[in-house]
């Protein structure tokens, strides 16, 4: 039995046990199947992709998902506030306390506030061995996926440079890079044709990287501020001031102002004292309006030097969990990322 199927069996058993059944949905209505790398749950004919969600704090967003069917999250616990947030965003879930939100034709189910955890089996969380989607792997994969030579000139791509060159570019040790390349090969994300290495299964690699980065960015060094207004963002001069736009302002630039920013993300490797003073920013202890993050080493420039590479802008949008950013993310993928991601 494949490793994924072992976890799927635990997910199925758990969902059957914790699901808040009603007259409209009984156990007989839950139909499971495995399609590719996904577990599919059909409820009265409506398909959902089941995704296990690691525990999240109330203040942390649940990253957006682009799947062929709506995603139903199997979570450890959602507070009443988080459950309401998920319901308002029309994002289905079931947690181990029996809280749930599902809305399909003929059925509307919303349960929140339950606290007693069901006695469920272990093995819900897929094994996270290896470093590929931890800090060092996130840095290396980001470097490789943004390399303009990846497909246009493979012999000169970073993937085919020496391990020492790759380590220096990514800001990693020789040992870490060697381990990560071996893991990429073992997990079928990389093959070698003679002396030339190629990235394969890129869409799977890309999706995993985007969601790993969404989790990683919450734990890395980051300054958050509140602001009375953010209309000033278009009048700043990023290159002169030592930063680049990411997130929503980056998306606004890359999509021709399709998205109107509601929050600002900046990447800078130095303090932005003048900007903080000019914009009258105040340190945020909760919700924020402006965030400043350290850039990842090794990323190539994108088409507009005022913002970070589209890969990072896309990942920032997904990390927000905000449905209003979904269409902008799709446009950035179509215009700037699809050619690289879907070529292998």
C-alpha atoms as a PDB file:
ATOM      1  CA  UNK A   1       0.000   0.000   0.000  1.00  0.00           C
ATOM      2  CA  UNK A   2       1.331   3.449  -0.930  1.00  0.00           C
ATOM      3  CA  UNK A   3       2.248   5.784   1.933  1.00  0.00           C
ATOM      4  CA  UNK A   4      -0.428   8.285   0.873  1.00  0.00           C
ATOM      5  CA  UNK A   5      -3.083   5.583   0.921  1.00  0.00           C
ATOM      6  CA  UNK A   6      -2.159   4.707   4.509  1.00  0.00           C
ATOM      7  CA  UNK A   7      -2.903   8.294   5.541  1.00  0.00           C
ATOM      8  CA  UNK A   8      -6.037   8.352   3.416  1.00  0.00           C
ATOM      9  CA  UNK A   9      -7.308   5.301   5.274  1.00  0.00           C
ATOM     10  CA  UNK A  10      -6.828   7.187   8.571  1.00  0.00           C
ATOM     11  CA  UNK A  11      -8.582  10.247   7.147  1.00  0.00           C
ATOM     12  CA  UNK A  12     -11.546   8.176   5.976  1.00  0.00           C
ATOM     13  CA  UNK A  13     -11.877   6.408   9.314  1.00  0.00           C
ATOM     14  CA  UNK A  14     -11.687   9.727  11.153  1.00  0.00           C
ATOM     15  CA  UNK A  15     -14.206  11.525   8.936  1.00  0.00           C
ATOM     16  CA  UNK A  16     -16.672   8.668   9.293  1.00  0.00           C
ATOM     17  CA  UNK A  17     -16.323   8.901  13.066  1.00  0.00           C
ATOM     18  CA  UNK A  18     -16.437  12.674  13.661  1.00  0.00           C
ATOM     19  CA  UNK A  19     -18.811  13.789  10.918  1.00  0.00           C
ATOM     20  CA  UNK A  20     -21.915  15.478  12.413  1.00  0.00           C
ATOM     21  CA  UNK A  21     -24.530  13.371  10.695  1.00  0.00           C
ATOM     22  CA  UNK A  22     -28.085  14.559  10.239  1.00  0.00           C
ATOM     23  CA  UNK A  23     -31.239  13.489   8.461  1.00  0.00           C
ATOM     24  CA  UNK A  24     -29.838  15.144   5.337  1.00  0.00           C
ATOM     25  CA  UNK A  25     -26.409  13.456   5.488  1.00  0.00           C
ATOM     26  CA  UNK A  26     -25.956   9.961   6.895  1.00  0.00           C
ATOM     27  CA  UNK A  27     -22.879   7.757   6.850  1.00  0.00           C
ATOM     28  CA  UNK A  28     -24.155   6.121   3.668  1.00  0.00           C
ATOM     29  CA  UNK A  29     -23.848   9.476   1.895  1.00  0.00           C
ATOM     30  CA  UNK A  30     -20.055   9.601   2.427  1.00  0.00           C
ATOM     31  CA  UNK A  31     -18.382   8.070  -0.642  1.00  0.00           C
ATOM     32  CA  UNK A  32     -14.574   8.043  -0.822  1.00  0.00           C
ATOM     33  CA  UNK A  33     -12.192   7.409  -3.697  1.00  0.00           C
ATOM     34  CA  UNK A  34      -8.516   8.026  -4.417  1.00  0.00           C
ATOM     35  CA  UNK A  35      -7.855   9.917  -7.625  1.00  0.00           C
ATOM     36  CA  UNK A  36      -4.184  10.441  -8.400  1.00  0.00           C
ATOM     37  CA  UNK A  37      -2.635  11.925  -5.266  1.00  0.00           C
ATOM     38  CA  UNK A  38      -5.927  13.170  -3.858  1.00  0.00           C
ATOM     39  CA  UNK A  39      -8.579  11.716  -1.558  1.00  0.00           C
ATOM     40  CA  UNK A  40     -12.028  12.567  -2.929  1.00  0.00           C
ATOM     41  CA  UNK A  41     -15.144  12.652  -0.762  1.00  0.00           C
ATOM     42  CA  UNK A  42     -18.504  12.726  -2.512  1.00  0.00           C
ATOM     43  CA  UNK A  43     -21.450  13.981  -0.479  1.00  0.00           C
ATOM     44  CA  UNK A  44     -24.752  13.423  -2.220  1.00  0.00           C
ATOM     45  CA  UNK A  45     -22.862  13.552  -5.503  1.00  0.00           C
ATOM     46  CA  UNK A  46     -20.833  16.710  -4.734  1.00  0.00           C
ATOM     47  CA  UNK A  47     -17.081  15.966  -4.882  1.00  0.00           C
ATOM     48  CA  UNK A  48     -14.609  17.480  -2.438  1.00  0.00           C
ATOM     49  CA  UNK A  49     -10.830  17.157  -2.248  1.00  0.00           C
ATOM     50  CA  UNK A  50      -9.993  16.218   1.354  1.00  0.00           C
ATOM     51  CA  UNK A  51      -6.977  18.021   2.785  1.00  0.00           C
ATOM     52  CA  UNK A  52      -5.597  17.590   6.279  1.00  0.00           C
ATOM     53  CA  UNK A  53      -4.924  20.946   7.917  1.00  0.00           C
ATOM     54  CA  UNK A  54      -2.275  21.326  10.575  1.00  0.00           C
ATOM     55  CA  UNK A  55      -3.408  23.197  13.705  1.00  0.00           C
ATOM     56  CA  UNK A  56      -3.739  26.939  13.054  1.00  0.00           C
ATOM     57  CA  UNK A  57      -4.129  29.838  15.438  1.00  0.00           C
ATOM     58  CA  UNK A  58      -7.184  32.046  15.104  1.00  0.00           C
ATOM     59  CA  UNK A  59      -5.055  34.889  13.757  1.00  0.00           C
ATOM     60  CA  UNK A  60      -3.411  32.722  11.096  1.00  0.00           C
ATOM     61  CA  UNK A  61      -5.062  32.503   7.667  1.00  0.00           C
ATOM     62  CA  UNK A  62      -5.815  29.194   5.986  1.00  0.00           C
ATOM     63  CA  UNK A  63      -3.993  29.361   2.625  1.00  0.00           C
ATOM     64  CA  UNK A  64      -6.029  29.356  -0.569  1.00  0.00           C
ATOM     65  CA  UNK A  65      -6.287  26.162  -2.602  1.00  0.00           C
ATOM     66  CA  UNK A  66      -6.789  25.699  -6.338  1.00  0.00           C
ATOM     67  CA  UNK A  67      -8.071  22.169  -6.911  1.00  0.00           C
ATOM     68  CA  UNK A  68     -10.404  20.601  -9.501  1.00  0.00           C
ATOM     69  CA  UNK A  69     -13.073  20.318  -6.776  1.00  0.00           C
ATOM     70  CA  UNK A  70     -13.776  22.365  -3.627  1.00  0.00           C
ATOM     71  CA  UNK A  71     -11.453  21.530  -0.736  1.00  0.00           C
ATOM     72  CA  UNK A  72     -12.905  20.080   2.474  1.00  0.00           C
ATOM     73  CA  UNK A  73     -10.475  20.570   5.346  1.00  0.00           C
ATOM     74  CA  UNK A  74     -10.034  17.900   8.001  1.00  0.00           C
ATOM     75  CA  UNK A  75      -8.710  19.885  10.958  1.00  0.00           C
ATOM     76  CA  UNK A  76      -7.797  19.202  14.560  1.00  0.00           C
ATOM     77  CA  UNK A  77      -9.935  22.033  15.913  1.00  0.00           C
ATOM     78  CA  UNK A  78     -11.508  25.284  14.793  1.00  0.00           C
ATOM     79  CA  UNK A  79     -12.596  27.746  17.440  1.00  0.00           C
ATOM     80  CA  UNK A  80     -16.082  29.204  17.092  1.00  0.00           C
ATOM     81  CA  UNK A  81     -14.502  32.366  15.680  1.00  0.00           C
ATOM     82  CA  UNK A  82     -12.388  30.460  13.141  1.00  0.00           C
ATOM     83  CA  UNK A  83     -15.349  28.295  12.181  1.00  0.00           C
ATOM     84  CA  UNK A  84     -17.396  31.418  11.481  1.00  0.00           C
ATOM     85  CA  UNK A  85     -14.539  32.834   9.409  1.00  0.00           C
ATOM     86  CA  UNK A  86     -14.436  29.637   7.333  1.00  0.00           C
ATOM     87  CA  UNK A  87     -18.214  29.677   6.902  1.00  0.00           C
ATOM     88  CA  UNK A  88     -18.216  33.309   5.794  1.00  0.00           C
ATOM     89  CA  UNK A  89     -15.531  32.485   3.223  1.00  0.00           C
ATOM     90  CA  UNK A  90     -17.524  29.424   2.016  1.00  0.00           C
ATOM     91  CA  UNK A  91     -14.662  27.043   2.847  1.00  0.00           C
ATOM     92  CA  UNK A  92     -15.949  23.588   3.926  1.00  0.00           C
ATOM     93  CA  UNK A  93     -14.399  21.813   6.912  1.00  0.00           C
ATOM     94  CA  UNK A  94     -14.856  19.101   9.519  1.00  0.00           C
ATOM     95  CA  UNK A  95     -12.762  19.072  12.689  1.00  0.00           C
ATOM     96  CA  UNK A  96     -12.057  16.372  15.268  1.00  0.00           C
ATOM     97  CA  UNK A  97     -14.598  17.912  17.656  1.00  0.00           C
ATOM     98  CA  UNK A  98     -17.449  17.477  15.195  1.00  0.00           C
ATOM     99  CA  UNK A  99     -17.565  21.132  14.176  1.00  0.00           C
ATOM    100  CA  UNK A 100     -18.276  21.480  10.480  1.00  0.00           C
ATOM    101  CA  UNK A 101     -19.384  23.650   7.616  1.00  0.00           C
ATOM    102  CA  UNK A 102     -20.768  22.184   4.384  1.00  0.00           C
ATOM    103  CA  UNK A 103     -23.072  23.853   1.902  1.00  0.00           C
ATOM    104  CA  UNK A 104     -24.232  21.854  -1.114  1.00  0.00           C
ATOM    105  CA  UNK A 105     -27.518  21.830  -3.034  1.00  0.00           C
ATOM    106  CA  UNK A 106     -30.232  20.731  -0.626  1.00  0.00           C
ATOM    107  CA  UNK A 107     -27.928  20.672   2.433  1.00  0.00           C
ATOM    108  CA  UNK A 108     -26.630  23.448   4.682  1.00  0.00           C
ATOM    109  CA  UNK A 109     -24.625  22.252   7.686  1.00  0.00           C
ATOM    110  CA  UNK A 110     -22.879  24.508  10.191  1.00  0.00           C
ATOM    111  CA  UNK A 111     -21.779  23.290  13.621  1.00  0.00           C
ATOM    112  CA  UNK A 112     -19.465  25.329  15.864  1.00  0.00           C
ATOM    113  CA  UNK A 113     -18.520  25.504  19.530  1.00  0.00           C
ATOM    114  CA  UNK A 114     -17.994  21.816  20.249  1.00  0.00           C
ATOM    115  CA  UNK A 115     -14.912  21.178  22.401  1.00  0.00           C
ATOM    116  CA  UNK A 116     -14.725  17.448  23.209  1.00  0.00           C
ATOM    117  CA  UNK A 117     -12.187  15.782  20.911  1.00  0.00           C
ATOM    118  CA  UNK A 118     -13.181  12.438  19.430  1.00  0.00           C
ATOM    119  CA  UNK A 119     -11.027   9.387  20.107  1.00  0.00           C
ATOM    120  CA  UNK A 120      -9.447   8.977  16.687  1.00  0.00           C
ATOM    121  CA  UNK A 121      -6.548   6.999  15.314  1.00  0.00           C
ATOM    122  CA  UNK A 122      -3.061   8.359  14.760  1.00  0.00           C
ATOM    123  CA  UNK A 123      -1.556   8.772  11.319  1.00  0.00           C
ATOM    124  CA  UNK A 124      -3.624  11.722  10.141  1.00  0.00           C
ATOM    125  CA  UNK A 125      -0.611  13.837   9.296  1.00  0.00           C
ATOM    126  CA  UNK A 126       1.482  12.556   6.380  1.00  0.00           C
ATOM    127  CA  UNK A 127       5.096  11.909   7.230  1.00  0.00           C
ATOM    128  CA  UNK A 128       7.211  15.054   7.083  1.00  0.00           C
ATOM    129  CA  UNK A 129      10.622  13.426   6.898  1.00  0.00           C
ATOM    130  CA  UNK A 130      13.270  15.251   4.953  1.00  0.00           C
ATOM    131  CA  UNK A 131      14.046  18.935   4.529  1.00  0.00           C
ATOM    132  CA  UNK A 132      12.643  19.654   1.084  1.00  0.00           C
ATOM    133  CA  UNK A 133       9.758  21.766   2.342  1.00  0.00           C
ATOM    134  CA  UNK A 134      11.505  23.187   5.391  1.00  0.00           C
ATOM    135  CA  UNK A 135      13.552  26.410   5.450  1.00  0.00           C
ATOM    136  CA  UNK A 136      16.570  25.202   3.450  1.00  0.00           C
ATOM    137  CA  UNK A 137      14.430  23.404   0.874  1.00  0.00           C
ATOM    138  CA  UNK A 138      12.160  26.422   0.470  1.00  0.00           C
ATOM    139  CA  UNK A 139      15.206  28.558  -0.307  1.00  0.00           C
ATOM    140  CA  UNK A 140      16.659  26.076  -2.813  1.00  0.00           C
ATOM    141  CA  UNK A 141      13.410  25.288  -4.664  1.00  0.00           C
ATOM    142  CA  UNK A 142      12.568  28.984  -4.912  1.00  0.00           C
ATOM    143  CA  UNK A 143      15.955  29.662  -6.463  1.00  0.00           C
ATOM    144  CA  UNK A 144      15.532  26.847  -8.995  1.00  0.00           C
ATOM    145  CA  UNK A 145      11.975  27.706 -10.027  1.00  0.00           C
ATOM    146  CA  UNK A 146      12.809  31.377 -10.597  1.00  0.00           C
ATOM    147  CA  UNK A 147      15.962  30.670 -12.621  1.00  0.00           C
ATOM    148  CA  UNK A 148      15.414  32.119 -16.135  1.00  0.00           C
ATOM    149  CA  UNK A 149      17.858  29.554 -17.532  1.00  0.00           C
ATOM    150  CA  UNK A 150      15.957  26.566 -16.122  1.00  0.00           C
ATOM    151  CA  UNK A 151      14.439  25.701 -19.531  1.00  0.00           C
ATOM    152  CA  UNK A 152      15.912  28.311 -21.876  1.00  0.00           C
ATOM    153  CA  UNK A 153      19.548  27.374 -21.244  1.00  0.00           C
ATOM    154  CA  UNK A 154      19.668  24.236 -19.037  1.00  0.00           C
ATOM    155  CA  UNK A 155      23.452  23.861 -19.259  1.00  0.00           C
ATOM    156  CA  UNK A 156      23.845  27.206 -17.516  1.00  0.00           C
ATOM    157  CA  UNK A 157      20.909  26.804 -15.120  1.00  0.00           C
ATOM    158  CA  UNK A 158      21.666  26.827 -11.407  1.00  0.00           C
ATOM    159  CA  UNK A 159      20.421  23.243 -11.218  1.00  0.00           C
ATOM    160  CA  UNK A 160      23.381  22.189 -13.373  1.00  0.00           C
ATOM    161  CA  UNK A 161      26.027  24.313 -11.695  1.00  0.00           C
ATOM    162  CA  UNK A 162      28.362  22.856  -9.107  1.00  0.00           C
ATOM    163  CA  UNK A 163      27.030  22.116  -5.653  1.00  0.00           C
ATOM    164  CA  UNK A 164      29.366  24.789  -4.298  1.00  0.00           C
ATOM    165  CA  UNK A 165      27.993  27.439  -6.675  1.00  0.00           C
ATOM    166  CA  UNK A 166      24.427  26.439  -5.834  1.00  0.00           C
ATOM    167  CA  UNK A 167      25.146  26.526  -2.098  1.00  0.00           C
ATOM    168  CA  UNK A 168      26.688  29.997  -2.337  1.00  0.00           C
ATOM    169  CA  UNK A 169      23.754  31.326  -4.370  1.00  0.00           C
ATOM    170  CA  UNK A 170      21.121  29.856  -2.027  1.00  0.00           C
ATOM    171  CA  UNK A 171      22.968  30.791   1.149  1.00  0.00           C
ATOM    172  CA  UNK A 172      23.159  27.146   2.261  1.00  0.00           C
ATOM    173  CA  UNK A 173      25.883  24.708   3.247  1.00  0.00           C
ATOM    174  CA  UNK A 174      27.345  22.213   0.773  1.00  0.00           C
ATOM    175  CA  UNK A 175      25.939  19.357   2.837  1.00  0.00           C
ATOM    176  CA  UNK A 176      22.427  20.808   2.871  1.00  0.00           C
ATOM    177  CA  UNK A 177      22.369  21.288  -0.899  1.00  0.00           C
ATOM    178  CA  UNK A 178      23.641  17.750  -1.508  1.00  0.00           C
ATOM    179  CA  UNK A 179      20.963  16.314   0.802  1.00  0.00           C
ATOM    180  CA  UNK A 180      18.220  18.382  -0.805  1.00  0.00           C
ATOM    181  CA  UNK A 181      19.187  17.371  -4.344  1.00  0.00           C
ATOM    182  CA  UNK A 182      19.204  13.715  -3.275  1.00  0.00           C
ATOM    183  CA  UNK A 183      15.763  14.145  -1.706  1.00  0.00           C
ATOM    184  CA  UNK A 184      14.424  15.838  -4.841  1.00  0.00           C
ATOM    185  CA  UNK A 185      15.608  12.878  -6.897  1.00  0.00           C
ATOM    186  CA  UNK A 186      14.191  10.323  -4.433  1.00  0.00           C
ATOM    187  CA  UNK A 187      10.803  12.083  -4.423  1.00  0.00           C
ATOM    188  CA  UNK A 188      10.775  12.210  -8.229  1.00  0.00           C
ATOM    189  CA  UNK A 189      11.100  15.955  -8.604  1.00  0.00           C
ATOM    190  CA  UNK A 190      14.420  15.704 -10.426  1.00  0.00           C
ATOM    191  CA  UNK A 191      16.001  13.381 -12.990  1.00  0.00           C
ATOM    192  CA  UNK A 192      19.465  13.308 -14.509  1.00  0.00           C
ATOM    193  CA  UNK A 193      20.010  12.748 -18.236  1.00  0.00           C
ATOM    194  CA  UNK A 194      23.698  12.115 -18.344  1.00  0.00           C
ATOM    195  CA  UNK A 195      25.306  15.239 -16.876  1.00  0.00           C
ATOM    196  CA  UNK A 196      22.161  17.366 -17.198  1.00  0.00           C
ATOM    197  CA  UNK A 197      19.629  17.509 -14.382  1.00  0.00           C
ATOM    198  CA  UNK A 198      15.979  18.444 -14.991  1.00  0.00           C
ATOM    199  CA  UNK A 199      13.067  19.324 -12.724  1.00  0.00           C
ATOM    200  CA  UNK A 200       9.986  17.152 -13.261  1.00  0.00           C
ATOM    201  CA  UNK A 201       6.545  16.884 -11.691  1.00  0.00           C
ATOM    202  CA  UNK A 202       6.783  20.631 -11.362  1.00  0.00           C
ATOM    203  CA  UNK A 203       3.143  21.351 -10.627  1.00  0.00           C
ATOM    204  CA  UNK A 204       3.243  19.047  -7.617  1.00  0.00           C
ATOM    205  CA  UNK A 205       6.552  20.571  -6.524  1.00  0.00           C
ATOM    206  CA  UNK A 206       5.180  24.082  -7.027  1.00  0.00           C
ATOM    207  CA  UNK A 207       1.985  23.476  -5.040  1.00  0.00           C
ATOM    208  CA  UNK A 208       3.901  21.895  -2.168  1.00  0.00           C
ATOM    209  CA  UNK A 209       6.417  24.767  -2.158  1.00  0.00           C
ATOM    210  CA  UNK A 210       3.715  27.453  -2.153  1.00  0.00           C
ATOM    211  CA  UNK A 211       1.959  25.973   0.877  1.00  0.00           C
ATOM    212  CA  UNK A 212       5.221  25.283   2.683  1.00  0.00           C
ATOM    213  CA  UNK A 213       6.182  28.919   2.159  1.00  0.00           C
ATOM    214  CA  UNK A 214       2.789  30.059   3.489  1.00  0.00           C
ATOM    215  CA  UNK A 215       3.572  28.287   6.761  1.00  0.00           C
ATOM    216  CA  UNK A 216       7.236  29.305   6.774  1.00  0.00           C
ATOM    217  CA  UNK A 217       6.558  33.030   6.305  1.00  0.00           C
ATOM    218  CA  UNK A 218       4.538  33.136   9.551  1.00  0.00           C
ATOM    219  CA  UNK A 219       7.566  31.918  11.512  1.00  0.00           C
ATOM    220  CA  UNK A 220      10.292  34.045   9.915  1.00  0.00           C
ATOM    221  CA  UNK A 221      11.471  37.515  10.872  1.00  0.00           C
ATOM    222  CA  UNK A 222       8.732  39.950   9.980  1.00  0.00           C
ATOM    223  CA  UNK A 223       7.635  43.397  11.120  1.00  0.00           C
ATOM    224  CA  UNK A 224       3.933  44.193  11.163  1.00  0.00           C
ATOM    225  CA  UNK A 225       2.385  47.656  11.356  1.00  0.00           C
ATOM    226  CA  UNK A 226      -0.945  49.441  11.268  1.00  0.00           C
ATOM    227  CA  UNK A 227      -1.494  52.509   9.088  1.00  0.00           C
ATOM    228  CA  UNK A 228      -4.163  55.183   8.879  1.00  0.00           C
ATOM    229  CA  UNK A 229      -4.159  54.756   5.096  1.00  0.00           C
ATOM    230  CA  UNK A 230      -2.111  52.971   2.437  1.00  0.00           C
ATOM    231  CA  UNK A 231      -2.827  55.102  -0.611  1.00  0.00           C
ATOM    232  CA  UNK A 232       0.776  56.351  -0.409  1.00  0.00           C
ATOM    233  CA  UNK A 233       2.144  53.047  -1.660  1.00  0.00           C
ATOM    234  CA  UNK A 234       2.031  54.032  -5.336  1.00  0.00           C
ATOM    235  CA  UNK A 235       4.126  57.143  -4.671  1.00  0.00           C
ATOM    236  CA  UNK A 236       7.070  55.299  -3.122  1.00  0.00           C
ATOM    237  CA  UNK A 237      10.282  54.488  -5.030  1.00  0.00           C
ATOM    238  CA  UNK A 238      11.174  50.921  -4.042  1.00  0.00           C
ATOM    239  CA  UNK A 239      14.529  50.643  -5.824  1.00  0.00           C
ATOM    240  CA  UNK A 240      15.793  53.931  -4.373  1.00  0.00           C
ATOM    241  CA  UNK A 241      14.443  53.136  -0.903  1.00  0.00           C
ATOM    242  CA  UNK A 242      15.863  49.609  -0.692  1.00  0.00           C
ATOM    243  CA  UNK A 243      12.804  47.388  -0.843  1.00  0.00           C
ATOM    244  CA  UNK A 244      10.515  45.572  -3.278  1.00  0.00           C
ATOM    245  CA  UNK A 245       6.785  45.042  -3.203  1.00  0.00           C
ATOM    246  CA  UNK A 246       5.326  41.598  -2.622  1.00  0.00           C
ATOM    247  CA  UNK A 247       1.812  40.376  -1.905  1.00  0.00           C
ATOM    248  CA  UNK A 248      -1.084  42.617  -2.919  1.00  0.00           C
ATOM    249  CA  UNK A 249       0.884  45.644  -4.194  1.00  0.00           C
ATOM    250  CA  UNK A 250       3.132  43.277  -6.157  1.00  0.00           C
ATOM    251  CA  UNK A 251       0.017  41.674  -7.604  1.00  0.00           C
ATOM    252  CA  UNK A 252      -1.393  45.091  -8.495  1.00  0.00           C
ATOM    253  CA  UNK A 253       1.780  45.855 -10.459  1.00  0.00           C
ATOM    254  CA  UNK A 254       1.928  42.472 -12.205  1.00  0.00           C
ATOM    255  CA  UNK A 255      -1.769  42.471 -13.176  1.00  0.00           C
ATOM    256  CA  UNK A 256      -2.032  46.045 -14.404  1.00  0.00           C
ATOM    257  CA  UNK A 257      -3.879  47.205 -11.251  1.00  0.00           C
ATOM    258  CA  UNK A 258      -6.487  44.420 -11.453  1.00  0.00           C
ATOM    259  CA  UNK A 259      -6.183  44.110  -7.666  1.00  0.00           C
ATOM    260  CA  UNK A 260      -6.547  47.095  -5.360  1.00  0.00           C
ATOM    261  CA  UNK A 261      -4.313  46.427  -2.337  1.00  0.00           C
ATOM    262  CA  UNK A 262      -5.939  46.230   1.053  1.00  0.00           C
ATOM    263  CA  UNK A 263      -2.678  45.305   2.794  1.00  0.00           C
ATOM    264  CA  UNK A 264       0.936  45.995   1.883  1.00  0.00           C
ATOM    265  CA  UNK A 265       3.799  43.503   1.816  1.00  0.00           C
ATOM    266  CA  UNK A 266       7.377  44.737   1.441  1.00  0.00           C
ATOM    267  CA  UNK A 267      10.623  42.764   1.190  1.00  0.00           C
ATOM    268  CA  UNK A 268      13.723  44.494   2.508  1.00  0.00           C
ATOM    269  CA  UNK A 269      17.068  43.397   3.937  1.00  0.00           C
ATOM    270  CA  UNK A 270      17.597  46.698   5.770  1.00  0.00           C
ATOM    271  CA  UNK A 271      15.496  48.842   8.137  1.00  0.00           C
ATOM    272  CA  UNK A 272      13.047  51.195   6.416  1.00  0.00           C
ATOM    273  CA  UNK A 273      13.081  53.951   9.035  1.00  0.00           C
ATOM    274  CA  UNK A 274      12.173  56.774   6.647  1.00  0.00           C
ATOM    275  CA  UNK A 275       9.193  54.895   5.226  1.00  0.00           C
ATOM    276  CA  UNK A 276       7.915  53.973   8.679  1.00  0.00           C
ATOM    277  CA  UNK A 277       8.043  57.615   9.754  1.00  0.00           C
ATOM    278  CA  UNK A 278       6.704  59.077   6.498  1.00  0.00           C
ATOM    279  CA  UNK A 279       3.743  56.669   6.401  1.00  0.00           C
ATOM    280  CA  UNK A 280       3.047  57.087  10.134  1.00  0.00           C
ATOM    281  CA  UNK A 281       3.220  53.343  10.741  1.00  0.00           C
ATOM    282  CA  UNK A 282       2.645  51.907  14.221  1.00  0.00           C
ATOM    283  CA  UNK A 283       3.783  48.514  15.439  1.00  0.00           C
ATOM    284  CA  UNK A 284       0.888  46.055  15.303  1.00  0.00           C
ATOM    285  CA  UNK A 285       0.159  43.546  18.043  1.00  0.00           C
ATOM    286  CA  UNK A 286      -2.766  41.925  16.233  1.00  0.00           C
ATOM    287  CA  UNK A 287      -4.207  42.610  12.825  1.00  0.00           C
ATOM    288  CA  UNK A 288      -1.826  44.463  10.532  1.00  0.00           C
ATOM    289  CA  UNK A 289      -1.950  46.657   7.444  1.00  0.00           C
ATOM    290  CA  UNK A 290       1.729  46.713   6.427  1.00  0.00           C
ATOM    291  CA  UNK A 291       4.278  43.918   6.791  1.00  0.00           C
ATOM    292  CA  UNK A 292       8.013  43.963   6.078  1.00  0.00           C
ATOM    293  CA  UNK A 293       9.839  40.668   5.518  1.00  0.00           C
ATOM    294  CA  UNK A 294      13.413  39.695   4.800  1.00  0.00           C
ATOM    295  CA  UNK A 295      13.905  38.538   1.198  1.00  0.00           C
ATOM    296  CA  UNK A 296      14.902  34.969   0.408  1.00  0.00           C
ATOM    297  CA  UNK A 297      18.429  34.639  -1.010  1.00  0.00           C
ATOM    298  CA  UNK A 298      18.995  33.631  -4.612  1.00  0.00           C
ATOM    299  CA  UNK A 299      15.657  34.550  -6.174  1.00  0.00           C
ATOM    300  CA  UNK A 300      15.922  35.888  -9.707  1.00  0.00           C
ATOM    301  CA  UNK A 301      14.451  39.240 -10.663  1.00  0.00           C
ATOM    302  CA  UNK A 302      10.973  39.286 -12.120  1.00  0.00           C
ATOM    303  CA  UNK A 303       9.643  41.345 -15.028  1.00  0.00           C
ATOM    304  CA  UNK A 304       9.235  44.457 -12.843  1.00  0.00           C
ATOM    305  CA  UNK A 305      12.121  45.391 -10.564  1.00  0.00           C
ATOM    306  CA  UNK A 306       9.786  47.245  -8.207  1.00  0.00           C
ATOM    307  CA  UNK A 307       8.383  43.947  -6.944  1.00  0.00           C
ATOM    308  CA  UNK A 308       9.757  40.524  -6.091  1.00  0.00           C
ATOM    309  CA  UNK A 309       9.558  37.595  -8.496  1.00  0.00           C
ATOM    310  CA  UNK A 310       5.989  36.550  -9.455  1.00  0.00           C
ATOM    311  CA  UNK A 311       6.519  33.202  -7.696  1.00  0.00           C
ATOM    312  CA  UNK A 312       6.843  34.998  -4.378  1.00  0.00           C
ATOM    313  CA  UNK A 313       3.968  37.395  -5.108  1.00  0.00           C
ATOM    314  CA  UNK A 314       1.753  34.396  -5.945  1.00  0.00           C
ATOM    315  CA  UNK A 315       2.796  32.594  -2.748  1.00  0.00           C
ATOM    316  CA  UNK A 316       2.057  35.714  -0.692  1.00  0.00           C
ATOM    317  CA  UNK A 317      -1.462  35.904  -2.150  1.00  0.00           C
ATOM    318  CA  UNK A 318      -2.135  32.224  -1.437  1.00  0.00           C
ATOM    319  CA  UNK A 319      -0.878  32.669   2.128  1.00  0.00           C
ATOM    320  CA  UNK A 320      -3.474  35.371   2.835  1.00  0.00           C
ATOM    321  CA  UNK A 321      -6.346  32.880   2.574  1.00  0.00           C
ATOM    322  CA  UNK A 322      -8.406  35.808   1.248  1.00  0.00           C
ATOM    323  CA  UNK A 323     -10.782  34.874  -1.561  1.00  0.00           C
ATOM    324  CA  UNK A 324     -10.532  38.339  -3.079  1.00  0.00           C
ATOM    325  CA  UNK A 325      -6.890  37.553  -3.947  1.00  0.00           C
ATOM    326  CA  UNK A 326      -7.727  34.306  -5.754  1.00  0.00           C
ATOM    327  CA  UNK A 327      -8.345  35.784  -9.209  1.00  0.00           C
ATOM    328  CA  UNK A 328      -5.196  37.914  -9.051  1.00  0.00           C
ATOM    329  CA  UNK A 329      -3.217  34.792  -8.131  1.00  0.00           C
ATOM    330  CA  UNK A 330      -4.706  32.939 -11.098  1.00  0.00           C
ATOM    331  CA  UNK A 331      -3.741  35.769 -13.438  1.00  0.00           C
ATOM    332  CA  UNK A 332      -0.191  35.878 -12.150  1.00  0.00           C
ATOM    333  CA  UNK A 333       0.113  32.126 -12.605  1.00  0.00           C
ATOM    334  CA  UNK A 334      -1.243  32.285 -16.162  1.00  0.00           C
ATOM    335  CA  UNK A 335       0.869  35.263 -17.224  1.00  0.00           C
ATOM    336  CA  UNK A 336       4.144  34.644 -15.398  1.00  0.00           C
ATOM    337  CA  UNK A 337       4.424  31.103 -13.999  1.00  0.00           C
ATOM    338  CA  UNK A 338       2.518  28.588 -16.147  1.00  0.00           C
ATOM    339  CA  UNK A 339       5.155  28.320 -18.865  1.00  0.00           C
ATOM    340  CA  UNK A 340       7.798  27.234 -16.335  1.00  0.00           C
ATOM    341  CA  UNK A 341       5.612  25.124 -14.054  1.00  0.00           C
ATOM    342  CA  UNK A 342       3.700  23.184 -16.711  1.00  0.00           C
ATOM    343  CA  UNK A 343       6.627  22.491 -19.046  1.00  0.00           C
ATOM    344  CA  UNK A 344       7.665  19.355 -17.146  1.00  0.00           C
END
